[in-house]
Amino acid sequence: MVELRVLASEDDWPVWRQARLAALSEAPHAFRARLADWPHGGEDRWRARLTMSGAHNLVAVLDGDIIGVAAGMPGADGTYELRSVWVSPRVRGQGVGD
């Protein structure tokens, strides 16, 4: 069963780092950010990403492996922008994104 984890604390930075690097490595064409922009940012940069005001970050986990990510940020007029979505190729088409 897929477990969704809300990354609600800056202490979740190692999980966010693992998920984000997996997504950027597997699907570099799908994101504005590039893999080269992130690995050398250090712990402070990863923590800062999780503490952005109004940010909402989720990872999907199956059998202990991160298989998906979704992140949203506050947008204009009180709306939210879906900024990042990724699902591992090994589980695509199986409803993880739902």
PDB file of N, CA and C in Angstrom:
ATOM      1  N   MET A   1       0.839  -1.174   0.000  1.00  0.00           N
ATOM      2  CA  MET A   1       0.000   0.000   0.000  1.00  0.00           C
ATOM      3  C   MET A   1       0.888   1.242   0.000  1.00  0.00           C
ATOM      4  N   VAL A   2       0.494   2.232  -0.778  1.00  0.00           N
ATOM      5  CA  VAL A   2       1.243   3.485  -0.857  1.00  0.00           C
ATOM      6  C   VAL A   2       0.923   4.337   0.371  1.00  0.00           C
ATOM      7  N   GLU A   3       1.982   4.843   0.981  1.00  0.00           N
ATOM      8  CA  GLU A   3       1.852   5.737   2.133  1.00  0.00           C
ATOM      9  C   GLU A   3       2.221   7.141   1.667  1.00  0.00           C
ATOM     10  N   LEU A   4       1.382   8.111   2.021  1.00  0.00           N
ATOM     11  CA  LEU A   4       1.703   9.511   1.748  1.00  0.00           C
ATOM     12  C   LEU A   4       2.237  10.145   3.010  1.00  0.00           C
ATOM     13  N   ARG A   5       3.369  10.785   2.909  1.00  0.00           N
ATOM     14  CA  ARG A   5       3.981  11.478   4.045  1.00  0.00           C
ATOM     15  C   ARG A   5       4.024  12.970   3.764  1.00  0.00           C
ATOM     16  N   VAL A   6       3.459  13.731   4.678  1.00  0.00           N
ATOM     17  CA  VAL A   6       3.552  15.183   4.595  1.00  0.00           C
ATOM     18  C   VAL A   6       4.866  15.583   5.238  1.00  0.00           C
ATOM     19  N   LEU A   7       5.669  16.324   4.519  1.00  0.00           N
ATOM     20  CA  LEU A   7       6.942  16.806   5.052  1.00  0.00           C
ATOM     21  C   LEU A   7       6.677  18.177   5.664  1.00  0.00           C
ATOM     22  N   ALA A   8       6.371  18.164   6.947  1.00  0.00           N
ATOM     23  CA  ALA A   8       5.882  19.362   7.623  1.00  0.00           C
ATOM     24  C   ALA A   8       6.943  20.079   8.446  1.00  0.00           C
ATOM     25  N   SER A   9       8.124  19.534   8.493  1.00  0.00           N
ATOM     26  CA  SER A   9       9.169  20.099   9.325  1.00  0.00           C
ATOM     27  C   SER A   9      10.472  20.172   8.540  1.00  0.00           C
ATOM     28  N   GLU A  10      11.271  21.170   8.870  1.00  0.00           N
ATOM     29  CA  GLU A  10      12.583  21.255   8.218  1.00  0.00           C
ATOM     30  C   GLU A  10      13.453  20.056   8.553  1.00  0.00           C
ATOM     31  N   ASP A  11      13.111  19.340   9.618  1.00  0.00           N
ATOM     32  CA  ASP A  11      13.859  18.133   9.967  1.00  0.00           C
ATOM     33  C   ASP A  11      13.620  16.994   8.980  1.00  0.00           C
ATOM     34  N   ASP A  12      12.624  17.158   8.105  1.00  0.00           N
ATOM     35  CA  ASP A  12      12.350  16.171   7.055  1.00  0.00           C
ATOM     36  C   ASP A  12      13.242  16.360   5.834  1.00  0.00           C
ATOM     37  N   TRP A  13      14.218  17.241   5.937  1.00  0.00           N
ATOM     38  CA  TRP A  13      15.043  17.573   4.775  1.00  0.00           C
ATOM     39  C   TRP A  13      15.726  16.364   4.131  1.00  0.00           C
ATOM     40  N   PRO A  14      16.191  15.334   4.887  1.00  0.00           N
ATOM     41  CA  PRO A  14      16.829  14.210   4.190  1.00  0.00           C
ATOM     42  C   PRO A  14      15.857  13.459   3.270  1.00  0.00           C
ATOM     43  N   VAL A  15      14.605  13.355   3.689  1.00  0.00           N
ATOM     44  CA  VAL A  15      13.591  12.685   2.866  1.00  0.00           C
ATOM     45  C   VAL A  15      13.305  13.528   1.628  1.00  0.00           C
ATOM     46  N   TRP A  16      13.143  14.849   1.821  1.00  0.00           N
ATOM     47  CA  TRP A  16      12.903  15.732   0.685  1.00  0.00           C
ATOM     48  C   TRP A  16      14.071  15.703  -0.287  1.00  0.00           C
ATOM     49  N   ARG A  17      15.277  15.711   0.228  1.00  0.00           N
ATOM     50  CA  ARG A  17      16.464  15.662  -0.627  1.00  0.00           C
ATOM     51  C   ARG A  17      16.471  14.388  -1.463  1.00  0.00           C
ATOM     52  N   GLN A  18      16.232  13.252  -0.824  1.00  0.00           N
ATOM     53  CA  GLN A  18      16.220  11.973  -1.534  1.00  0.00           C
ATOM     54  C   GLN A  18      15.156  11.968  -2.632  1.00  0.00           C
ATOM     55  N   ALA A  19      13.965  12.445  -2.305  1.00  0.00           N
ATOM     56  CA  ALA A  19      12.872  12.457  -3.278  1.00  0.00           C
ATOM     57  C   ALA A  19      13.168  13.409  -4.437  1.00  0.00           C
ATOM     58  N   ARG A  20      13.617  14.588  -4.119  1.00  0.00           N
ATOM     59  CA  ARG A  20      13.863  15.607  -5.142  1.00  0.00           C
ATOM     60  C   ARG A  20      14.997  15.196  -6.082  1.00  0.00           C
ATOM     61  N   LEU A  21      16.066  14.645  -5.523  1.00  0.00           N
ATOM     62  CA  LEU A  21      17.177  14.207  -6.373  1.00  0.00           C
ATOM     63  C   LEU A  21      16.767  13.041  -7.262  1.00  0.00           C
ATOM     64  N   ALA A  22      15.926  12.144  -6.743  1.00  0.00           N
ATOM     65  CA  ALA A  22      15.429  11.029  -7.565  1.00  0.00           C
ATOM     66  C   ALA A  22      14.615  11.571  -8.741  1.00  0.00           C
ATOM     67  N   ALA A  23      13.743  12.526  -8.456  1.00  0.00           N
ATOM     68  CA  ALA A  23      12.904  13.103  -9.505  1.00  0.00           C
ATOM     69  C   ALA A  23      13.741  13.843 -10.545  1.00  0.00           C
ATOM     70  N   LEU A  24      14.656  14.667 -10.095  1.00  0.00           N
ATOM     71  CA  LEU A  24      15.496  15.432 -11.025  1.00  0.00           C
ATOM     72  C   LEU A  24      16.420  14.523 -11.837  1.00  0.00           C
ATOM     73  N   SER A  25      16.855  13.423 -11.253  1.00  0.00           N
ATOM     74  CA  SER A  25      17.724  12.479 -11.973  1.00  0.00           C
ATOM     75  C   SER A  25      16.953  11.722 -13.046  1.00  0.00           C
ATOM     76  N   GLU A  26      15.759  11.274 -12.684  1.00  0.00           N
ATOM     77  CA  GLU A  26      14.990  10.422 -13.587  1.00  0.00           C
ATOM     78  C   GLU A  26      14.288  11.222 -14.686  1.00  0.00           C
ATOM     79  N   ALA A  27      13.822  12.419 -14.371  1.00  0.00           N
ATOM     80  CA  ALA A  27      13.028  13.186 -15.334  1.00  0.00           C
ATOM     81  C   ALA A  27      13.495  14.642 -15.416  1.00  0.00           C
ATOM     82  N   PRO A  28      14.737  14.876 -15.821  1.00  0.00           N
ATOM     83  CA  PRO A  28      15.256  16.242 -15.834  1.00  0.00           C
ATOM     84  C   PRO A  28      14.459  17.185 -16.741  1.00  0.00           C
ATOM     85  N   HIS A  29      13.843  16.647 -17.759  1.00  0.00           N
ATOM     86  CA  HIS A  29      13.061  17.454 -18.697  1.00  0.00           C
ATOM     87  C   HIS A  29      11.764  17.986 -18.087  1.00  0.00           C
ATOM     88  N   ALA A  30      11.345  17.435 -16.965  1.00  0.00           N
ATOM     89  CA  ALA A  30      10.042  17.754 -16.383  1.00  0.00           C
ATOM     90  C   ALA A  30      10.075  18.909 -15.379  1.00  0.00           C
ATOM     91  N   PHE A  31      11.259  19.404 -15.066  1.00  0.00           N
ATOM     92  CA  PHE A  31      11.379  20.417 -14.019  1.00  0.00           C
ATOM     93  C   PHE A  31      12.180  21.610 -14.514  1.00  0.00           C
ATOM     94  N   ARG A  32      11.820  22.768 -13.983  1.00  0.00           N
ATOM     95  CA  ARG A  32      12.596  23.977 -14.290  1.00  0.00           C
ATOM     96  C   ARG A  32      13.961  23.900 -13.605  1.00  0.00           C
ATOM     97  N   ALA A  33      13.976  23.396 -12.370  1.00  0.00           N
ATOM     98  CA  ALA A  33      15.244  23.216 -11.646  1.00  0.00           C
ATOM     99  C   ALA A  33      16.046  22.106 -12.307  1.00  0.00           C
ATOM    100  N   ARG A  34      17.320  22.158 -12.132  1.00  0.00           N
ATOM    101  CA  ARG A  34      18.210  21.137 -12.689  1.00  0.00           C
ATOM    102  C   ARG A  34      18.925  20.423 -11.557  1.00  0.00           C
ATOM    103  N   LEU A  35      19.250  19.181 -11.788  1.00  0.00           N
ATOM    104  CA  LEU A  35      19.961  18.365 -10.804  1.00  0.00           C
ATOM    105  C   LEU A  35      21.232  19.060 -10.348  1.00  0.00           C
ATOM    106  N   ALA A  36      21.939  19.676 -11.265  1.00  0.00           N
ATOM    107  CA  ALA A  36      23.195  20.349 -10.928  1.00  0.00           C
ATOM    108  C   ALA A  36      22.990  21.513  -9.964  1.00  0.00           C
ATOM    109  N   ASP A  37      21.767  22.030  -9.878  1.00  0.00           N
ATOM    110  CA  ASP A  37      21.478  23.154  -8.987  1.00  0.00           C
ATOM    111  C   ASP A  37      21.333  22.733  -7.527  1.00  0.00           C
ATOM    112  N   TRP A  38      21.092  21.452  -7.265  1.00  0.00           N
ATOM    113  CA  TRP A  38      20.691  21.041  -5.921  1.00  0.00           C
ATOM    114  C   TRP A  38      21.694  20.257  -5.088  1.00  0.00           C
ATOM    115  N   PRO A  39      22.456  19.330  -5.604  1.00  0.00           N
ATOM    116  CA  PRO A  39      23.244  18.477  -4.704  1.00  0.00           C
ATOM    117  C   PRO A  39      24.243  19.214  -3.826  1.00  0.00           C
ATOM    118  N   HIS A  40      24.694  20.366  -4.269  1.00  0.00           N
ATOM    119  CA  HIS A  40      25.740  21.058  -3.525  1.00  0.00           C
ATOM    120  C   HIS A  40      25.202  22.205  -2.654  1.00  0.00           C
ATOM    121  N   GLY A  41      23.885  22.265  -2.494  1.00  0.00           N
ATOM    122  CA  GLY A  41      23.285  23.356  -1.739  1.00  0.00           C
ATOM    123  C   GLY A  41      23.486  23.246  -0.242  1.00  0.00           C
ATOM    124  N   GLY A  42      23.760  22.067   0.246  1.00  0.00           N
ATOM    125  CA  GLY A  42      23.959  21.881   1.673  1.00  0.00           C
ATOM    126  C   GLY A  42      22.648  21.740   2.426  1.00  0.00           C
ATOM    127  N   GLU A  43      22.768  21.292   3.643  1.00  0.00           N
ATOM    128  CA  GLU A  43      21.608  21.044   4.489  1.00  0.00           C
ATOM    129  C   GLU A  43      20.748  22.290   4.660  1.00  0.00           C
ATOM    130  N   ASP A  44      21.356  23.449   4.808  1.00  0.00           N
ATOM    131  CA  ASP A  44      20.585  24.679   5.008  1.00  0.00           C
ATOM    132  C   ASP A  44      19.642  24.957   3.842  1.00  0.00           C
ATOM    133  N   ARG A  45      20.109  24.693   2.641  1.00  0.00           N
ATOM    134  CA  ARG A  45      19.259  24.939   1.467  1.00  0.00           C
ATOM    135  C   ARG A  45      18.073  23.982   1.444  1.00  0.00           C
ATOM    136  N   TRP A  46      18.308  22.722   1.781  1.00  0.00           N
ATOM    137  CA  TRP A  46      17.218  21.743   1.807  1.00  0.00           C
ATOM    138  C   TRP A  46      16.211  22.095   2.899  1.00  0.00           C
ATOM    139  N   ARG A  47      16.700  22.491   4.050  1.00  0.00           N
ATOM    140  CA  ARG A  47      15.808  22.897   5.150  1.00  0.00           C
ATOM    141  C   ARG A  47      14.986  24.117   4.750  1.00  0.00           C
ATOM    142  N   ALA A  48      15.629  25.084   4.123  1.00  0.00           N
ATOM    143  CA  ALA A  48      14.942  26.313   3.717  1.00  0.00           C
ATOM    144  C   ALA A  48      13.804  26.011   2.751  1.00  0.00           C
ATOM    145  N   ARG A  49      14.020  25.063   1.885  1.00  0.00           N
ATOM    146  CA  ARG A  49      12.970  24.697   0.907  1.00  0.00           C
ATOM    147  C   ARG A  49      11.721  24.195   1.617  1.00  0.00           C
ATOM    148  N   LEU A  50      11.900  23.481   2.707  1.00  0.00           N
ATOM    149  CA  LEU A  50      10.754  22.933   3.435  1.00  0.00           C
ATOM    150  C   LEU A  50      10.088  23.953   4.351  1.00  0.00           C
ATOM    151  N   THR A  51      10.753  25.055   4.627  1.00  0.00           N
ATOM    152  CA  THR A  51      10.177  26.043   5.535  1.00  0.00           C
ATOM    153  C   THR A  51       9.645  27.273   4.800  1.00  0.00           C
ATOM    154  N   MET A  52       9.565  27.197   3.486  1.00  0.00           N
ATOM    155  CA  MET A  52       8.994  28.307   2.728  1.00  0.00           C
ATOM    156  C   MET A  52       7.553  28.516   3.187  1.00  0.00           C
ATOM    157  N   SER A  53       7.190  29.734   3.429  1.00  0.00           N
ATOM    158  CA  SER A  53       5.857  30.059   3.926  1.00  0.00           C
ATOM    159  C   SER A  53       4.771  29.512   3.000  1.00  0.00           C
ATOM    160  N   GLY A  54       3.878  28.716   3.559  1.00  0.00           N
ATOM    161  CA  GLY A  54       2.760  28.175   2.803  1.00  0.00           C
ATOM    162  C   GLY A  54       3.067  26.971   1.948  1.00  0.00           C
ATOM    163  N   ALA A  55       4.309  26.501   1.950  1.00  0.00           N
ATOM    164  CA  ALA A  55       4.676  25.344   1.136  1.00  0.00           C
ATOM    165  C   ALA A  55       3.990  24.086   1.667  1.00  0.00           C
ATOM    166  N   HIS A  56       3.659  23.199   0.753  1.00  0.00           N
ATOM    167  CA  HIS A  56       3.070  21.912   1.119  1.00  0.00           C
ATOM    168  C   HIS A  56       3.795  20.854   0.301  1.00  0.00           C
ATOM    169  N   ASN A  57       4.495  19.951   0.989  1.00  0.00           N
ATOM    170  CA  ASN A  57       5.331  18.955   0.323  1.00  0.00           C
ATOM    171  C   ASN A  57       4.943  17.563   0.771  1.00  0.00           C
ATOM    172  N   LEU A  58       4.768  16.668  -0.190  1.00  0.00           N
ATOM    173  CA  LEU A  58       4.395  15.284   0.076  1.00  0.00           C
ATOM    174  C   LEU A  58       5.345  14.337  -0.639  1.00  0.00           C
ATOM    175  N   VAL A  59       5.561  13.184  -0.054  1.00  0.00           N
ATOM    176  CA  VAL A  59       6.224  12.095  -0.755  1.00  0.00           C
ATOM    177  C   VAL A  59       5.332  10.865  -0.654  1.00  0.00           C
ATOM    178  N   ALA A  60       5.380  10.049  -1.688  1.00  0.00           N
ATOM    179  CA  ALA A  60       4.686   8.770  -1.693  1.00  0.00           C
ATOM    180  C   ALA A  60       5.735   7.688  -1.465  1.00  0.00           C
ATOM    181  N   VAL A  61       5.431   6.759  -0.571  1.00  0.00           N
ATOM    182  CA  VAL A  61       6.380   5.709  -0.199  1.00  0.00           C
ATOM    183  C   VAL A  61       5.698   4.349  -0.367  1.00  0.00           C
ATOM    184  N   LEU A  62       6.433   3.415  -0.945  1.00  0.00           N
ATOM    185  CA  LEU A  62       5.956   2.046  -1.112  1.00  0.00           C
ATOM    186  C   LEU A  62       7.076   1.105  -0.723  1.00  0.00           C
ATOM    187  N   ASP A  63       6.818   0.246   0.232  1.00  0.00           N
ATOM    188  CA  ASP A  63       7.822  -0.723   0.707  1.00  0.00           C
ATOM    189  C   ASP A  63       9.132  -0.044   1.095  1.00  0.00           C
ATOM    190  N   GLY A  64       9.031   1.133   1.703  1.00  0.00           N
ATOM    191  CA  GLY A  64      10.213   1.849   2.170  1.00  0.00           C
ATOM    192  C   GLY A  64      10.917   2.684   1.121  1.00  0.00           C
ATOM    193  N   ASP A  65      10.464   2.631  -0.129  1.00  0.00           N
ATOM    194  CA  ASP A  65      11.086   3.396  -1.211  1.00  0.00           C
ATOM    195  C   ASP A  65      10.223   4.598  -1.572  1.00  0.00           C
ATOM    196  N   ILE A  66      10.863   5.730  -1.784  1.00  0.00           N
ATOM    197  CA  ILE A  66      10.137   6.903  -2.264  1.00  0.00           C
ATOM    198  C   ILE A  66       9.804   6.676  -3.726  1.00  0.00           C
ATOM    199  N   ILE A  67       8.499   6.759  -4.031  1.00  0.00           N
ATOM    200  CA  ILE A  67       8.052   6.493  -5.399  1.00  0.00           C
ATOM    201  C   ILE A  67       7.351   7.689  -6.027  1.00  0.00           C
ATOM    202  N   GLY A  68       7.222   8.770  -5.266  1.00  0.00           N
ATOM    203  CA  GLY A  68       6.566   9.941  -5.829  1.00  0.00           C
ATOM    204  C   GLY A  68       6.745  11.163  -4.967  1.00  0.00           C
ATOM    205  N   VAL A  69       6.481  12.303  -5.574  1.00  0.00           N
ATOM    206  CA  VAL A  69       6.625  13.580  -4.890  1.00  0.00           C
ATOM    207  C   VAL A  69       5.585  14.550  -5.437  1.00  0.00           C
ATOM    208  N   ALA A  70       5.094  15.412  -4.577  1.00  0.00           N
ATOM    209  CA  ALA A  70       4.220  16.509  -4.996  1.00  0.00           C
ATOM    210  C   ALA A  70       4.511  17.696  -4.082  1.00  0.00           C
ATOM    211  N   ALA A  71       4.591  18.869  -4.673  1.00  0.00           N
ATOM    212  CA  ALA A  71       4.865  20.071  -3.893  1.00  0.00           C
ATOM    213  C   ALA A  71       4.033  21.220  -4.430  1.00  0.00           C
ATOM    214  N   GLY A  72       3.475  21.984  -3.505  1.00  0.00           N
ATOM    215  CA  GLY A  72       2.683  23.143  -3.876  1.00  0.00           C
ATOM    216  C   GLY A  72       3.145  24.367  -3.112  1.00  0.00           C
ATOM    217  N   MET A  73       2.923  25.524  -3.724  1.00  0.00           N
ATOM    218  CA  MET A  73       3.309  26.808  -3.135  1.00  0.00           C
ATOM    219  C   MET A  73       2.154  27.779  -3.284  1.00  0.00           C
ATOM    220  N   PRO A  74       2.059  28.729  -2.364  1.00  0.00           N
ATOM    221  CA  PRO A  74       1.022  29.742  -2.512  1.00  0.00           C
ATOM    222  C   PRO A  74       1.221  30.519  -3.814  1.00  0.00           C
ATOM    223  N   GLY A  75       0.124  30.739  -4.502  1.00  0.00           N
ATOM    224  CA  GLY A  75       0.159  31.514  -5.733  1.00  0.00           C
ATOM    225  C   GLY A  75      -0.579  32.824  -5.544  1.00  0.00           C
ATOM    226  N   ALA A  76      -0.959  33.408  -6.622  1.00  0.00           N
ATOM    227  CA  ALA A  76      -1.674  34.685  -6.581  1.00  0.00           C
ATOM    228  C   ALA A  76      -3.115  34.480  -6.115  1.00  0.00           C
ATOM    229  N   ASP A  77      -3.670  35.486  -5.509  1.00  0.00           N
ATOM    230  CA  ASP A  77      -5.089  35.515  -5.136  1.00  0.00           C
ATOM    231  C   ASP A  77      -5.521  34.371  -4.223  1.00  0.00           C
ATOM    232  N   GLY A  78      -4.640  33.922  -3.344  1.00  0.00           N
ATOM    233  CA  GLY A  78      -4.999  32.882  -2.389  1.00  0.00           C
ATOM    234  C   GLY A  78      -5.087  31.484  -2.973  1.00  0.00           C
ATOM    235  N   THR A  79      -4.634  31.315  -4.182  1.00  0.00           N
ATOM    236  CA  THR A  79      -4.621  29.988  -4.791  1.00  0.00           C
ATOM    237  C   THR A  79      -3.288  29.311  -4.503  1.00  0.00           C
ATOM    238  N   TYR A  80      -3.174  28.054  -4.871  1.00  0.00           N
ATOM    239  CA  TYR A  80      -1.918  27.322  -4.762  1.00  0.00           C
ATOM    240  C   TYR A  80      -1.451  26.908  -6.138  1.00  0.00           C
ATOM    241  N   GLU A  81      -0.149  26.868  -6.305  1.00  0.00           N
ATOM    242  CA  GLU A  81       0.457  26.387  -7.545  1.00  0.00           C
ATOM    243  C   GLU A  81       1.065  25.024  -7.286  1.00  0.00           C
ATOM    244  N   LEU A  82       0.760  24.088  -8.139  1.00  0.00           N
ATOM    245  CA  LEU A  82       1.398  22.787  -8.080  1.00  0.00           C
ATOM    246  C   LEU A  82       2.739  22.941  -8.765  1.00  0.00           C
ATOM    247  N   ARG A  83       3.811  22.836  -8.002  1.00  0.00           N
ATOM    248  CA  ARG A  83       5.142  23.137  -8.528  1.00  0.00           C
ATOM    249  C   ARG A  83       5.898  21.899  -8.977  1.00  0.00           C
ATOM    250  N   SER A  84       5.724  20.808  -8.285  1.00  0.00           N
ATOM    251  CA  SER A  84       6.485  19.601  -8.608  1.00  0.00           C
ATOM    252  C   SER A  84       5.599  18.382  -8.448  1.00  0.00           C
ATOM    253  N   VAL A  85       5.609  17.537  -9.461  1.00  0.00           N
ATOM    254  CA  VAL A  85       4.948  16.235  -9.378  1.00  0.00           C
ATOM    255  C   VAL A  85       5.859  15.244 -10.087  1.00  0.00           C
ATOM    256  N   TRP A  86       6.085  14.141  -9.442  1.00  0.00           N
ATOM    257  CA  TRP A  86       6.895  13.085 -10.048  1.00  0.00           C
ATOM    258  C   TRP A  86       6.466  11.745  -9.481  1.00  0.00           C
ATOM    259  N   VAL A  87       6.407  10.737 -10.339  1.00  0.00           N
ATOM    260  CA  VAL A  87       6.137   9.365  -9.930  1.00  0.00           C
ATOM    261  C   VAL A  87       7.204   8.491 -10.570  1.00  0.00           C
ATOM    262  N   SER A  88       7.763   7.600  -9.784  1.00  0.00           N
ATOM    263  CA  SER A  88       8.795   6.693 -10.270  1.00  0.00           C
ATOM    264  C   SER A  88       8.266   5.862 -11.444  1.00  0.00           C
ATOM    265  N   PRO A  89       9.100   5.651 -12.459  1.00  0.00           N
ATOM    266  CA  PRO A  89       8.668   4.850 -13.612  1.00  0.00           C
ATOM    267  C   PRO A  89       8.173   3.455 -13.226  1.00  0.00           C
ATOM    268  N   ARG A  90       8.695   2.900 -12.145  1.00  0.00           N
ATOM    269  CA  ARG A  90       8.312   1.526 -11.788  1.00  0.00           C
ATOM    270  C   ARG A  90       6.865   1.415 -11.313  1.00  0.00           C
ATOM    271  N   VAL A  91       6.236   2.565 -10.975  1.00  0.00           N
ATOM    272  CA  VAL A  91       4.844   2.507 -10.510  1.00  0.00           C
ATOM    273  C   VAL A  91       3.916   3.416 -11.317  1.00  0.00           C
ATOM    274  N   ARG A  92       4.405   3.986 -12.389  1.00  0.00           N
ATOM    275  CA  ARG A  92       3.546   4.839 -13.210  1.00  0.00           C
ATOM    276  C   ARG A  92       2.397   4.019 -13.762  1.00  0.00           C
ATOM    277  N   GLY A  93       1.253   4.659 -13.873  1.00  0.00           N
ATOM    278  CA  GLY A  93       0.070   3.980 -14.387  1.00  0.00           C
ATOM    279  C   GLY A  93      -0.653   3.145 -13.348  1.00  0.00           C
ATOM    280  N   GLN A  94      -0.222   3.224 -12.082  1.00  0.00           N
ATOM    281  CA  GLN A  94      -0.829   2.417 -11.029  1.00  0.00           C
ATOM    282  C   GLN A  94      -1.605   3.269 -10.014  1.00  0.00           C
ATOM    283  N   GLY A  95      -1.878   4.533 -10.337  1.00  0.00           N
ATOM    284  CA  GLY A  95      -2.700   5.377  -9.493  1.00  0.00           C
ATOM    285  C   GLY A  95      -1.973   6.129  -8.405  1.00  0.00           C
ATOM    286  N   VAL A  96      -0.664   6.112  -8.390  1.00  0.00           N
ATOM    287  CA  VAL A  96       0.097   6.812  -7.340  1.00  0.00           C
ATOM    288  C   VAL A  96      -0.189   8.312  -7.374  1.00  0.00           C
ATOM    289  N   GLY A  97      -0.278   8.888  -8.533  1.00  0.00           N
ATOM    290  CA  GLY A  97      -0.539  10.310  -8.668  1.00  0.00           C
ATOM    291  C   GLY A  97      -1.932  10.723  -8.235  1.00  0.00           C
ATOM    292  N   ASP A  98      -2.834   9.760  -8.188  1.00  0.00           N
ATOM    293  CA  ASP A  98      -4.202  10.059  -7.746  1.00  0.00           C
ATOM    294  C   ASP A  98      -4.208  10.453  -6.287  1.00  0.00           C
TER     295      ASP A  98
END
